[in-house]
Amino acid sequence: MRTTISTKGQVTIPKEVRDRLGLRPGTQLEFTAERGKLVGRKTDGATDPVTAITGIVAPMDVDAYLQETRGAAQ
């Protein structure tokens, strides 16, 4: 199967390949160049462990937390 790169650098992954690999809208791919070939791999979307957990815990006021755990500053 062949596809053509658009002027914006975009390509269309053929439907047969998308179906076989389970690629759905929103699936994130990571591209690398290996031995002169373009290789695309599905990712879980979380490349950075910090980014993966961002938003799980509510923001906290560090000063208030320290005062609560250590008591008032002397």
Protein backbone atom coordinates (compact mmCIF):
# COMPACT_ATOMS: atom_id res chain seq x y z
CA MET A 1 0.00 0.00 0.00
CA ARG A 2 1.21 3.46 -0.82
CA THR A 3 0.30 6.88 0.41
CA THR A 4 1.55 10.35 -0.38
CA ILE A 5 2.86 12.96 2.04
CA SER A 6 0.83 16.18 1.86
CA THR A 7 2.38 19.64 1.67
CA LYS A 8 1.82 19.84 5.45
CA GLY A 9 3.78 16.63 6.05
CA GLN A 10 0.65 14.59 6.74
CA VAL A 11 -0.08 11.05 5.59
CA THR A 12 -3.21 8.93 5.61
CA ILE A 13 -2.84 5.48 7.13
CA PRO A 14 -4.80 3.10 4.90
CA LYS A 15 -8.05 1.83 6.45
CA GLU A 16 -6.98 -1.81 6.22
CA VAL A 17 -3.87 -1.06 8.29
CA ARG A 18 -5.82 1.07 10.80
CA ASP A 19 -8.36 -1.72 11.27
CA ARG A 20 -5.73 -4.44 11.61
CA LEU A 21 -3.77 -2.46 14.22
CA GLY A 22 -6.77 -1.07 16.07
CA LEU A 23 -5.89 2.54 15.32
CA ARG A 24 -8.85 4.74 16.21
CA PRO A 25 -9.31 8.53 16.30
CA GLY A 26 -7.30 9.83 19.25
CA THR A 27 -4.74 7.00 19.17
CA GLN A 28 -1.31 8.49 19.76
CA LEU A 29 1.63 7.34 17.66
CA GLU A 30 5.35 7.79 18.18
CA PHE A 31 7.56 7.96 15.09
CA THR A 32 11.25 7.09 14.89
CA ALA A 33 13.74 6.56 12.10
CA GLU A 34 15.43 3.16 12.27
CA ARG A 35 17.99 2.06 9.70
CA GLY A 36 16.57 4.43 7.10
CA LYS A 37 12.95 3.42 7.72
CA LEU A 38 10.08 5.33 9.30
CA VAL A 39 8.65 3.33 12.20
CA GLY A 40 5.38 4.26 13.91
CA ARG A 41 4.34 2.73 17.23
CA LYS A 42 1.17 3.14 19.30
CA THR A 43 1.86 4.81 22.63
CA ASP A 44 -0.15 4.96 25.82
CA GLY A 45 -0.09 8.75 25.56
CA ALA A 46 1.98 9.18 28.68
CA THR A 47 5.60 9.63 27.69
CA ASP A 48 6.54 11.48 30.87
CA PRO A 49 5.64 9.99 34.27
CA VAL A 50 4.96 13.46 35.71
CA THR A 51 2.63 14.33 32.83
CA ALA A 52 0.88 11.00 33.30
CA ILE A 53 -0.22 11.89 36.84
CA THR A 54 -0.82 15.60 36.37
CA GLY A 55 -4.28 16.51 37.57
CA ILE A 56 -4.83 13.39 39.70
CA VAL A 57 -4.21 15.19 43.00
CA ALA A 58 -5.88 18.51 43.77
CA PRO A 59 -3.51 21.50 43.90
CA MET A 60 -2.25 22.27 47.38
CA ASP A 61 -1.01 25.35 49.19
CA VAL A 62 2.44 24.29 50.35
CA ASP A 63 2.67 26.99 53.03
CA ALA A 64 -0.69 25.96 54.50
CA TYR A 65 0.34 22.30 54.44
CA LEU A 66 3.61 23.02 56.24
CA GLN A 67 1.85 25.13 58.86
CA GLU A 68 -0.70 22.35 59.38
CA THR A 69 1.94 19.63 59.76
CA ARG A 70 4.66 21.60 61.58
CA GLY A 71 2.66 24.22 63.38
CA ALA A 72 2.93 27.99 63.21
CA ALA A 73 6.32 29.53 62.43
CA GLN A 74 8.20 30.73 65.52
